Amino acid sequence: MEKIIGKYETIFVINPEYTEEATKALIEKFTGIITNNGGTIDSIDEWGKRKLAYPIEDLTEGYYVLVNFAAEKAVPAELDRVYNITDGILRSIIVALEK
C-alpha cells in the first residue's frame, strides 16, 4: 500500500525562562519525532523571543519556532500528543498545507 505524504507546518511556543541549551533540546526533540517517524524537515525557522498576544501562565513572552515538514498522516497526531505532555510548551499548532 502506498504511503500518503502530506505537507505540514507547526508553530510551537517555548517557555522563555528556559536556558538556551534546554530550548535547543526541545527543538531537537520535536524535529526528531518527525524524522524518526519517516518524515522530512523542509525548514526550521526560530523566531526567537516575542511578546505574547495575552499572558499564558503569567508569562508575557515566548520563544517561537516554526517547522515546515512532510510526513505521513500519523506523524502530526504523535507530534501533537508529545506537545501536550511536554513541560515548557506554552502553545502549539499543526496545520496541513494545501496541495
N, C-alpha and C. Protein backbone atom coordinates (compact mmCIF):
# COMPACT_ATOMS: atom_id res chain seq x y z
N MET A 1 0.84 -1.18 0.00
CA MET A 1 0.00 0.00 0.00
C MET A 1 0.88 1.25 0.00
N GLU A 2 0.48 2.22 -0.76
CA GLU A 2 1.26 3.45 -0.92
C GLU A 2 1.10 4.36 0.30
N LYS A 3 2.22 4.91 0.75
CA LYS A 3 2.18 5.84 1.87
C LYS A 3 1.73 7.21 1.37
N ILE A 4 0.81 7.82 2.10
CA ILE A 4 0.33 9.15 1.74
C ILE A 4 1.11 10.17 2.56
N ILE A 5 1.87 11.00 1.86
CA ILE A 5 2.70 12.01 2.50
C ILE A 5 2.01 13.37 2.33
N GLY A 6 1.90 14.09 3.42
CA GLY A 6 1.33 15.43 3.39
C GLY A 6 2.34 16.45 3.85
N LYS A 7 2.10 17.69 3.48
CA LYS A 7 2.97 18.79 3.92
C LYS A 7 2.28 19.51 5.07
N TYR A 8 3.07 19.81 6.09
CA TYR A 8 2.54 20.43 7.30
C TYR A 8 3.46 21.55 7.76
N GLU A 9 2.90 22.42 8.58
CA GLU A 9 3.73 23.38 9.30
C GLU A 9 3.25 23.40 10.74
N THR A 10 4.19 23.56 11.63
CA THR A 10 3.86 23.62 13.05
C THR A 10 4.59 24.80 13.66
N ILE A 11 3.89 25.46 14.55
CA ILE A 11 4.50 26.53 15.34
C ILE A 11 4.30 26.15 16.80
N PHE A 12 5.38 26.23 17.56
CA PHE A 12 5.25 26.00 18.99
C PHE A 12 5.97 27.09 19.76
N VAL A 13 5.45 27.37 20.94
CA VAL A 13 5.97 28.44 21.78
C VAL A 13 6.55 27.82 23.04
N ILE A 14 7.84 28.07 23.26
CA ILE A 14 8.57 27.52 24.40
C ILE A 14 8.65 28.58 25.50
N ASN A 15 8.61 28.11 26.73
CA ASN A 15 8.76 28.99 27.88
C ASN A 15 10.06 29.79 27.74
N PRO A 16 10.00 31.14 27.79
CA PRO A 16 11.20 31.95 27.58
C PRO A 16 12.20 31.88 28.73
N GLU A 17 11.80 31.32 29.86
CA GLU A 17 12.70 31.21 31.00
C GLU A 17 13.65 30.02 30.87
N TYR A 18 13.43 29.16 29.87
CA TYR A 18 14.31 28.02 29.65
C TYR A 18 15.67 28.52 29.16
N THR A 19 16.72 27.79 29.51
CA THR A 19 18.06 28.14 29.04
C THR A 19 18.17 27.87 27.54
N GLU A 20 19.20 28.41 26.94
CA GLU A 20 19.42 28.19 25.51
C GLU A 20 19.59 26.70 25.21
N GLU A 21 20.29 25.98 26.09
CA GLU A 21 20.50 24.54 25.88
C GLU A 21 19.19 23.78 25.98
N ALA A 22 18.35 24.14 26.95
CA ALA A 22 17.06 23.47 27.12
C ALA A 22 16.14 23.74 25.93
N THR A 23 16.19 24.96 25.42
CA THR A 23 15.38 25.33 24.26
C THR A 23 15.83 24.52 23.03
N LYS A 24 17.14 24.44 22.81
CA LYS A 24 17.68 23.65 21.68
C LYS A 24 17.29 22.18 21.83
N ALA A 25 17.31 21.66 23.05
CA ALA A 25 16.96 20.27 23.29
C ALA A 25 15.50 20.00 22.93
N LEU A 26 14.61 20.94 23.26
CA LEU A 26 13.21 20.77 22.91
C LEU A 26 13.00 20.81 21.39
N ILE A 27 13.69 21.71 20.72
CA ILE A 27 13.58 21.80 19.26
C ILE A 27 14.06 20.50 18.63
N GLU A 28 15.19 19.97 19.11
CA GLU A 28 15.72 18.71 18.60
C GLU A 28 14.77 17.55 18.90
N LYS A 29 14.13 17.59 20.06
CA LYS A 29 13.18 16.53 20.43
C LYS A 29 12.03 16.47 19.41
N PHE A 30 11.46 17.63 19.07
CA PHE A 30 10.31 17.65 18.17
C PHE A 30 10.70 17.36 16.73
N THR A 31 11.85 17.86 16.29
CA THR A 31 12.28 17.54 14.93
C THR A 31 12.66 16.06 14.84
N GLY A 32 13.17 15.52 15.93
CA GLY A 32 13.49 14.10 15.98
C GLY A 32 12.26 13.22 15.86
N ILE A 33 11.15 13.63 16.46
CA ILE A 33 9.90 12.88 16.33
C ILE A 33 9.48 12.81 14.87
N ILE A 34 9.63 13.91 14.17
CA ILE A 34 9.26 13.95 12.75
C ILE A 34 10.16 13.02 11.94
N THR A 35 11.47 13.16 12.09
CA THR A 35 12.40 12.37 11.26
C THR A 35 12.42 10.90 11.65
N ASN A 36 12.26 10.59 12.94
CA ASN A 36 12.27 9.19 13.38
C ASN A 36 11.03 8.43 12.92
N ASN A 37 9.97 9.15 12.57
CA ASN A 37 8.75 8.51 12.07
C ASN A 37 8.64 8.60 10.55
N GLY A 38 9.75 8.82 9.88
CA GLY A 38 9.77 8.79 8.42
C GLY A 38 9.49 10.11 7.74
N GLY A 39 9.37 11.18 8.50
CA GLY A 39 9.12 12.49 7.90
C GLY A 39 10.41 13.19 7.50
N THR A 40 10.25 14.26 6.76
CA THR A 40 11.41 15.07 6.36
C THR A 40 11.16 16.52 6.76
N ILE A 41 12.20 17.16 7.27
CA ILE A 41 12.12 18.57 7.67
C ILE A 41 12.46 19.42 6.44
N ASP A 42 11.55 20.31 6.07
CA ASP A 42 11.81 21.23 4.97
C ASP A 42 12.56 22.47 5.47
N SER A 43 12.13 23.02 6.60
CA SER A 43 12.81 24.19 7.15
C SER A 43 12.47 24.35 8.63
N ILE A 44 13.40 24.94 9.36
CA ILE A 44 13.20 25.29 10.76
C ILE A 44 13.52 26.78 10.88
N ASP A 45 12.56 27.54 11.36
CA ASP A 45 12.75 28.99 11.49
C ASP A 45 12.51 29.37 12.94
N GLU A 46 13.58 29.70 13.64
CA GLU A 46 13.47 30.12 15.03
C GLU A 46 13.23 31.63 15.06
N TRP A 47 12.04 32.02 15.46
CA TRP A 47 11.69 33.43 15.52
C TRP A 47 12.24 34.09 16.77
N GLY A 48 12.58 33.30 17.76
CA GLY A 48 13.14 33.85 19.00
C GLY A 48 12.05 34.33 19.94
N LYS A 49 12.48 35.13 20.92
CA LYS A 49 11.55 35.64 21.93
C LYS A 49 10.69 36.75 21.34
N ARG A 50 9.37 36.58 21.55
CA ARG A 50 8.42 37.59 21.09
C ARG A 50 7.35 37.78 22.15
N LYS A 51 6.72 38.92 22.12
CA LYS A 51 5.65 39.21 23.07
C LYS A 51 4.42 38.38 22.70
N LEU A 52 3.79 37.80 23.72
CA LEU A 52 2.57 37.04 23.51
C LEU A 52 1.38 37.99 23.37
N ALA A 53 0.35 37.56 22.66
CA ALA A 53 -0.84 38.39 22.49
C ALA A 53 -1.57 38.56 23.82
N TYR A 54 -1.46 37.55 24.69
CA TYR A 54 -2.07 37.59 26.01
C TYR A 54 -1.21 36.75 26.95
N PRO A 55 -1.23 37.04 28.24
CA PRO A 55 -0.39 36.27 29.18
C PRO A 55 -0.80 34.80 29.23
N ILE A 56 0.19 33.93 29.26
CA ILE A 56 -0.02 32.49 29.42
C ILE A 56 0.82 32.07 30.62
N GLU A 57 0.17 31.49 31.61
CA GLU A 57 0.86 31.07 32.84
C GLU A 57 1.70 32.22 33.42
N ASP A 58 1.13 33.42 33.42
CA ASP A 58 1.77 34.64 33.94
C ASP A 58 3.01 35.06 33.15
N LEU A 59 3.19 34.54 31.96
CA LEU A 59 4.31 34.94 31.09
C LEU A 59 3.79 35.86 30.00
N THR A 60 4.60 36.85 29.63
CA THR A 60 4.20 37.78 28.58
C THR A 60 5.03 37.60 27.31
N GLU A 61 6.04 36.73 27.37
CA GLU A 61 6.89 36.44 26.21
C GLU A 61 6.97 34.94 26.00
N GLY A 62 7.34 34.55 24.78
CA GLY A 62 7.55 33.16 24.48
C GLY A 62 8.60 33.03 23.38
N TYR A 63 9.24 31.87 23.28
CA TYR A 63 10.24 31.62 22.25
C TYR A 63 9.54 30.83 21.14
N TYR A 64 9.37 31.47 19.97
CA TYR A 64 8.61 30.89 18.87
C TYR A 64 9.51 30.11 17.92
N VAL A 65 9.00 28.94 17.46
CA VAL A 65 9.71 28.12 16.48
C VAL A 65 8.71 27.65 15.42
N LEU A 66 9.05 27.84 14.14
CA LEU A 66 8.24 27.39 13.02
C LEU A 66 8.98 26.27 12.31
N VAL A 67 8.29 25.13 12.09
CA VAL A 67 8.90 24.00 11.39
C VAL A 67 7.97 23.59 10.24
N ASN A 68 8.50 23.55 9.03
CA ASN A 68 7.79 23.02 7.88
C ASN A 68 8.31 21.62 7.61
N PHE A 69 7.38 20.67 7.41
CA PHE A 69 7.81 19.29 7.21
C PHE A 69 6.82 18.51 6.35
N ALA A 70 7.29 17.38 5.85
CA ALA A 70 6.46 16.44 5.09
C ALA A 70 6.48 15.12 5.85
N ALA A 71 5.30 14.52 6.00
CA ALA A 71 5.23 13.28 6.76
C ALA A 71 3.91 12.55 6.48
N GLU A 72 3.85 11.31 6.96
CA GLU A 72 2.61 10.55 6.88
C GLU A 72 1.57 11.15 7.81
N LYS A 73 0.34 10.77 7.62
CA LYS A 73 -0.78 11.34 8.37
C LYS A 73 -0.68 11.12 9.88
N ALA A 74 -0.04 10.05 10.32
CA ALA A 74 0.02 9.73 11.75
C ALA A 74 1.04 10.60 12.51
N VAL A 75 2.00 11.17 11.80
CA VAL A 75 3.07 11.92 12.47
C VAL A 75 2.55 13.19 13.16
N PRO A 76 1.70 14.00 12.52
CA PRO A 76 1.19 15.18 13.23
C PRO A 76 0.42 14.83 14.51
N ALA A 77 -0.30 13.73 14.50
CA ALA A 77 -1.04 13.32 15.69
C ALA A 77 -0.08 12.97 16.82
N GLU A 78 0.99 12.26 16.50
CA GLU A 78 2.00 11.92 17.51
C GLU A 78 2.71 13.18 18.01
N LEU A 79 3.03 14.08 17.10
CA LEU A 79 3.69 15.33 17.48
C LEU A 79 2.80 16.15 18.42
N ASP A 80 1.52 16.24 18.12
CA ASP A 80 0.58 16.96 18.97
C ASP A 80 0.48 16.31 20.35
N ARG A 81 0.47 14.99 20.40
CA ARG A 81 0.41 14.28 21.67
C ARG A 81 1.62 14.62 22.54
N VAL A 82 2.80 14.65 21.92
CA VAL A 82 4.02 14.95 22.66
C VAL A 82 4.06 16.42 23.10
N TYR A 83 3.56 17.33 22.24
CA TYR A 83 3.46 18.74 22.64
C TYR A 83 2.67 18.86 23.94
N ASN A 84 1.55 18.15 24.00
CA ASN A 84 0.63 18.29 25.13
C ASN A 84 1.19 17.73 26.44
N ILE A 85 2.15 16.83 26.38
CA ILE A 85 2.68 16.25 27.61
C ILE A 85 4.07 16.77 27.96
N THR A 86 4.59 17.70 27.17
CA THR A 86 5.93 18.24 27.40
C THR A 86 5.87 19.53 28.20
N ASP A 87 6.60 19.54 29.30
CA ASP A 87 6.71 20.77 30.08
C ASP A 87 7.48 21.81 29.28
N GLY A 88 7.09 23.06 29.41
CA GLY A 88 7.81 24.14 28.74
C GLY A 88 7.18 24.57 27.44
N ILE A 89 6.20 23.83 26.93
CA ILE A 89 5.50 24.23 25.71
C ILE A 89 4.25 25.00 26.13
N LEU A 90 4.22 26.29 25.78
CA LEU A 90 3.09 27.13 26.16
C LEU A 90 1.91 26.95 25.22
N ARG A 91 2.17 26.92 23.93
CA ARG A 91 1.14 26.72 22.91
C ARG A 91 1.77 26.05 21.70
N SER A 92 0.93 25.34 20.94
CA SER A 92 1.40 24.73 19.70
C SER A 92 0.24 24.57 18.75
N ILE A 93 0.56 24.53 17.46
CA ILE A 93 -0.45 24.29 16.44
C ILE A 93 0.23 23.57 15.28
N ILE A 94 -0.51 22.66 14.66
CA ILE A 94 -0.04 21.95 13.48
C ILE A 94 -1.08 22.17 12.39
N VAL A 95 -0.64 22.63 11.22
CA VAL A 95 -1.56 22.93 10.13
C VAL A 95 -1.13 22.15 8.89
N ALA A 96 -2.12 21.49 8.26
CA ALA A 96 -1.85 20.81 6.99
C ALA A 96 -1.88 21.86 5.88
N LEU A 97 -0.85 21.88 5.05
CA LEU A 97 -0.78 22.85 3.97
C LEU A 97 -1.52 22.30 2.76
N GLU A 98 -2.17 23.17 2.04
CA GLU A 98 -2.93 22.75 0.85
C GLU A 98 -1.98 22.31 -0.25
N LYS A 99 -2.48 21.42 -1.08
CA LYS A 99 -1.65 20.92 -2.19
C LYS A 99 -1.65 21.88 -3.33
